[in-house]
């Protein structure tokens, strides 16, 4: 059964979107999905598995991009056949229909959030569309991207904050933006791992400051969001993409428990 968009609108739920940055192998995808799902279930978080079949915006030409559209979607289809909900990126309008056959949520990468043809083709699939707010886009402007999707008749749109450019190789999160984005009428997710990324900070790759994942996620939940996006890896040091800003798998359970307590306090439970 496809992931229900109404789950994002439930004030008593925090949706968890989590998984490795990129599909590294079929075995790794299934192992990570099983491990994260077990933790999410234990901590009472509705869960959507995230992994990209292609990372088309690597810093360097030598960066690992993933298995590609055809092989990547076959791997993700294996998770779908096991009743996992799935989100994956698309980079071109022509990828939308194929990805929608496998994924519950089509994700628009931050660098592409103003690409009208991409947004509208994603909307036409009828799937939930998660738009990452570009590092260069003001919180009050990202609603225009959502409006493009909605113009297709598809109002299942989610907006995700992932930090704004702050000088060279750095990002900052303006927590006011979460409220501003939500005021546009769409559910908002906070990307706790890309927000601590240091874009191209490693020279030929991006760096990261994972020690700030928890405090930023805590602040976002305190402000009020519909979900948390977090890239999770069992061995970030060996990850093929975005390892420096990934959350270690063995830290996930405690991370979610803390967020749950903050969310309950915010709601007055």
Protein backbone atom coordinates (compact mmCIF):
# COMPACT_ATOMS: atom_id res chain seq x y z
CA UNK A 1 0.00 0.00 0.00
CA UNK A 2 1.44 3.43 -0.97
CA UNK A 3 2.55 5.69 1.86
CA UNK A 4 -0.42 7.82 2.92
CA UNK A 5 0.17 11.56 2.50
CA UNK A 6 -2.21 12.15 5.42
CA UNK A 7 0.47 10.76 7.73
CA UNK A 8 2.43 13.98 7.17
CA UNK A 9 -0.63 15.94 8.33
CA UNK A 10 -1.16 13.98 11.55
CA UNK A 11 -0.08 16.25 14.44
CA UNK A 12 0.56 13.23 16.63
CA UNK A 13 3.10 11.68 14.25
CA UNK A 14 6.64 12.46 13.19
CA UNK A 15 7.49 10.79 9.89
CA UNK A 16 11.01 9.39 9.62
CA UNK A 17 12.68 9.44 6.21
CA UNK A 18 15.99 7.63 6.54
CA UNK A 19 18.53 5.51 4.72
CA UNK A 20 21.94 5.70 3.06
CA UNK A 21 22.65 8.57 0.69
CA UNK A 22 23.04 6.32 -2.33
CA UNK A 23 22.37 2.68 -3.23
CA UNK A 24 25.71 1.02 -2.57
CA UNK A 25 24.57 -2.56 -3.21
CA UNK A 26 21.38 -4.60 -3.09
CA UNK A 27 22.55 -6.37 0.07
CA UNK A 28 23.37 -3.11 1.82
CA UNK A 29 20.01 -1.57 0.92
CA UNK A 30 18.06 -4.48 2.38
CA UNK A 31 20.26 -4.67 5.48
CA UNK A 32 19.91 -0.95 6.17
CA UNK A 33 16.16 -0.94 5.52
CA UNK A 34 15.63 -3.83 7.91
CA UNK A 35 17.77 -2.29 10.65
CA UNK A 36 16.26 1.20 10.41
CA UNK A 37 12.71 -0.14 10.14
CA UNK A 38 13.12 -2.18 13.32
CA UNK A 39 14.29 0.92 15.21
CA UNK A 40 11.55 3.13 13.75
CA UNK A 41 8.91 0.57 14.71
CA UNK A 42 10.25 0.30 18.25
CA UNK A 43 10.24 4.10 18.61
CA UNK A 44 6.80 4.50 16.95
CA UNK A 45 7.85 6.51 13.89
CA UNK A 46 6.12 6.00 10.51
CA UNK A 47 9.05 5.14 8.25
CA UNK A 48 10.01 5.74 4.63
CA UNK A 49 13.28 4.27 3.31
CA UNK A 50 15.48 6.70 1.38
CA UNK A 51 18.28 5.95 -1.08
CA UNK A 52 19.24 7.46 -4.42
CA UNK A 53 19.79 5.46 -7.59
CA UNK A 54 21.96 8.29 -8.92
CA UNK A 55 23.75 11.20 -7.27
CA UNK A 56 24.05 13.47 -10.27
CA UNK A 57 25.57 16.45 -8.43
CA UNK A 58 28.79 14.99 -7.04
CA UNK A 59 31.53 17.48 -6.26
CA UNK A 60 34.05 15.62 -8.40
CA UNK A 61 33.70 13.51 -11.52
CA UNK A 62 35.36 10.73 -9.50
CA UNK A 63 32.56 10.69 -6.89
CA UNK A 64 30.42 7.55 -6.71
CA UNK A 65 27.03 8.17 -8.33
CA UNK A 66 25.19 4.88 -7.74
CA UNK A 67 23.90 2.07 -9.96
CA UNK A 68 21.82 4.28 -12.24
CA UNK A 69 18.13 4.40 -13.07
CA UNK A 70 17.44 0.89 -14.35
CA UNK A 71 19.49 -1.15 -11.89
CA UNK A 72 18.70 1.19 -9.01
CA UNK A 73 14.95 0.96 -9.47
CA UNK A 74 15.19 -2.84 -9.67
CA UNK A 75 16.89 -2.84 -6.27
CA UNK A 76 14.31 -0.48 -4.78
CA UNK A 77 11.51 -2.60 -6.27
CA UNK A 78 12.82 -5.46 -4.15
CA UNK A 79 12.12 -3.36 -1.07
CA UNK A 80 8.70 -2.38 -2.38
CA UNK A 81 7.90 -6.09 -2.79
CA UNK A 82 8.68 -6.44 0.92
CA UNK A 83 6.16 -3.68 1.74
CA UNK A 84 8.65 -0.91 2.41
CA UNK A 85 7.71 2.67 1.59
CA UNK A 86 10.36 4.34 -0.55
CA UNK A 87 11.58 7.81 -1.48
CA UNK A 88 14.19 8.42 -4.17
CA UNK A 89 15.51 11.40 -6.12
CA UNK A 90 14.78 12.17 -9.73
CA UNK A 91 16.90 14.56 -11.78
CA UNK A 92 15.18 14.67 -15.17
CA UNK A 93 11.51 14.79 -16.20
CA UNK A 94 11.95 11.53 -18.14
CA UNK A 95 12.80 9.68 -14.90
CA UNK A 96 9.55 10.55 -13.13
CA UNK A 97 7.22 7.89 -14.53
CA UNK A 98 9.69 5.03 -14.07
CA UNK A 99 10.59 6.06 -10.53
CA UNK A 100 6.89 6.44 -9.63
CA UNK A 101 6.34 2.76 -10.38
CA UNK A 102 8.63 1.95 -7.45
CA UNK A 103 8.68 4.94 -5.10
CA UNK A 104 5.92 6.30 -2.87
CA UNK A 105 7.62 9.70 -2.79
CA UNK A 106 9.54 11.38 -5.60
CA UNK A 107 12.20 13.72 -4.25
CA UNK A 108 13.33 16.86 -6.06
CA UNK A 109 16.97 17.62 -5.20
CA UNK A 110 17.72 21.05 -3.75
CA UNK A 111 19.75 22.17 -6.76
CA UNK A 112 16.77 21.39 -9.03
CA UNK A 113 13.93 22.80 -6.94
CA UNK A 114 13.12 25.53 -9.47
CA UNK A 115 13.11 23.26 -12.54
CA UNK A 116 9.54 23.67 -13.73
CA UNK A 117 9.42 20.72 -16.13
CA UNK A 118 10.84 18.38 -13.48
CA UNK A 119 8.38 19.55 -10.82
CA UNK A 120 5.38 19.25 -13.08
CA UNK A 121 6.30 15.83 -14.42
CA UNK A 122 6.74 14.61 -10.85
CA UNK A 123 3.32 16.03 -9.99
CA UNK A 124 1.67 14.29 -12.94
CA UNK A 125 2.66 10.88 -11.57
CA UNK A 126 0.23 11.33 -8.66
CA UNK A 127 2.92 10.35 -6.18
CA UNK A 128 3.86 12.43 -3.15
CA UNK A 129 6.50 14.98 -4.20
CA UNK A 130 9.13 16.02 -1.66
CA UNK A 131 10.82 19.25 -2.70
CA UNK A 132 14.17 19.98 -1.11
CA UNK A 133 14.47 23.74 -0.59
CA UNK A 134 17.51 24.96 -2.49
CA UNK A 135 20.38 26.38 -0.49
CA UNK A 136 19.85 29.55 -2.55
CA UNK A 137 16.07 29.85 -2.01
CA UNK A 138 14.41 31.94 0.71
CA UNK A 139 11.85 30.11 2.89
CA UNK A 140 9.00 32.28 1.65
CA UNK A 141 9.88 31.58 -2.00
CA UNK A 142 9.86 27.77 -2.03
CA UNK A 143 6.04 27.83 -2.09
CA UNK A 144 6.30 28.68 -5.80
CA UNK A 145 7.86 25.27 -6.42
CA UNK A 146 5.01 23.61 -4.54
CA UNK A 147 2.51 25.60 -6.58
CA UNK A 148 4.04 24.23 -9.78
CA UNK A 149 3.43 20.65 -8.60
CA UNK A 150 -0.07 21.51 -7.39
CA UNK A 151 -0.92 23.01 -10.79
CA UNK A 152 -0.97 19.44 -12.14
CA UNK A 153 -3.83 18.58 -9.79
CA UNK A 154 -1.53 16.83 -7.33
CA UNK A 155 -1.63 18.51 -3.91
CA UNK A 156 0.52 15.86 -2.20
CA UNK A 157 3.54 18.09 -1.69
CA UNK A 158 6.10 18.12 1.12
CA UNK A 159 8.76 20.81 1.60
CA UNK A 160 12.12 19.92 3.12
CA UNK A 161 14.56 22.35 4.71
CA UNK A 162 18.24 21.45 4.29
CA UNK A 163 20.05 24.67 5.18
CA UNK A 164 21.02 27.80 3.29
CA UNK A 165 24.38 28.80 1.82
CA UNK A 166 26.44 30.74 4.34
CA UNK A 167 29.64 31.87 2.71
CA UNK A 168 31.85 29.27 1.08
CA UNK A 169 31.54 25.55 1.94
CA UNK A 170 29.09 26.14 4.75
CA UNK A 171 25.36 26.04 5.49
CA UNK A 172 23.21 27.57 8.20
CA UNK A 173 19.65 26.76 9.25
CA UNK A 174 17.28 29.61 10.01
CA UNK A 175 14.66 28.01 12.25
CA UNK A 176 12.23 30.81 11.39
CA UNK A 177 12.13 29.32 7.92
CA UNK A 178 10.41 26.17 9.15
CA UNK A 179 7.43 28.20 10.33
CA UNK A 180 7.45 30.37 7.20
CA UNK A 181 7.42 27.29 4.96
CA UNK A 182 4.63 25.68 6.95
CA UNK A 183 2.57 28.86 6.74
CA UNK A 184 2.42 28.30 2.97
CA UNK A 185 0.15 25.34 3.73
CA UNK A 186 2.42 22.37 3.05
CA UNK A 187 3.89 19.86 5.53
CA UNK A 188 7.53 20.56 6.31
CA UNK A 189 10.32 18.05 6.89
CA UNK A 190 13.71 18.91 8.36
CA UNK A 191 16.77 17.36 6.76
CA UNK A 192 19.05 16.94 9.74
CA UNK A 193 22.06 15.56 7.86
CA UNK A 194 22.39 17.71 4.73
CA UNK A 195 21.97 20.72 7.02
CA UNK A 196 25.32 19.86 8.63
CA UNK A 197 27.04 19.24 5.31
CA UNK A 198 30.05 21.33 4.29
CA UNK A 199 29.46 21.47 0.52
CA UNK A 200 32.67 20.65 -1.35
CA UNK A 201 34.41 21.15 1.98
CA UNK A 202 36.62 18.12 1.45
CA UNK A 203 38.16 19.43 -1.74
CA UNK A 204 36.92 16.72 -4.12
CA UNK A 205 33.96 15.82 -1.89
CA UNK A 206 31.69 17.35 0.73
CA UNK A 207 32.57 17.39 4.38
CA UNK A 208 30.26 17.48 7.36
CA UNK A 209 29.76 18.19 11.04
CA UNK A 210 27.70 15.24 12.32
CA UNK A 211 28.03 16.45 15.93
CA UNK A 212 25.37 19.04 15.08
CA UNK A 213 22.77 16.59 13.70
CA UNK A 214 21.08 16.08 17.05
CA UNK A 215 20.95 19.72 18.25
CA UNK A 216 19.61 20.98 14.92
CA UNK A 217 17.02 18.21 14.69
CA UNK A 218 16.00 18.89 18.29
CA UNK A 219 15.49 22.57 17.52
CA UNK A 220 13.47 21.77 14.39
CA UNK A 221 11.16 19.41 16.27
CA UNK A 222 10.72 22.01 18.99
CA UNK A 223 9.63 24.54 16.36
CA UNK A 224 7.25 21.98 14.89
CA UNK A 225 7.76 19.86 11.76
CA UNK A 226 5.93 16.97 10.14
CA UNK A 227 8.96 14.76 9.77
CA UNK A 228 12.70 14.27 10.05
CA UNK A 229 14.96 13.33 7.15
CA UNK A 230 18.25 11.76 8.16
CA UNK A 231 20.80 9.86 6.15
CA UNK A 232 21.87 6.83 8.16
CA UNK A 233 24.80 4.51 7.55
CA UNK A 234 26.19 1.58 9.48
CA UNK A 235 29.77 2.67 8.71
CA UNK A 236 29.91 6.35 7.69
CA UNK A 237 33.69 6.27 7.34
CA UNK A 238 33.30 3.78 4.49
CA UNK A 239 30.15 5.26 2.92
CA UNK A 240 30.37 5.84 -0.82
CA UNK A 241 28.55 9.20 -0.61
CA UNK A 242 28.00 11.80 2.11
CA UNK A 243 29.53 9.73 4.89
CA UNK A 244 30.91 12.79 6.73
CA UNK A 245 27.41 14.09 7.44
CA UNK A 246 25.59 10.78 8.01
CA UNK A 247 24.19 9.61 11.33
CA UNK A 248 25.66 6.33 12.57
CA UNK A 249 23.09 3.55 12.66
CA UNK A 250 23.93 2.69 16.27
CA UNK A 251 22.95 6.25 17.32
CA UNK A 252 19.56 6.24 15.65
CA UNK A 253 17.44 4.77 18.47
CA UNK A 254 18.60 7.28 21.09
CA UNK A 255 18.28 10.08 18.52
CA UNK A 256 14.62 9.20 17.84
CA UNK A 257 13.78 8.81 21.52
CA UNK A 258 15.05 12.32 22.21
CA UNK A 259 13.07 13.76 19.31
CA UNK A 260 9.96 11.98 20.52
CA UNK A 261 10.28 13.53 23.99
CA UNK A 262 10.77 16.99 22.51
CA UNK A 263 7.76 16.58 20.22
CA UNK A 264 5.57 15.43 23.11
CA UNK A 265 6.66 18.41 25.19
CA UNK A 266 5.94 20.77 22.30
CA UNK A 267 2.43 19.33 22.00
CA UNK A 268 1.92 19.48 25.79
CA UNK A 269 1.53 15.70 26.18
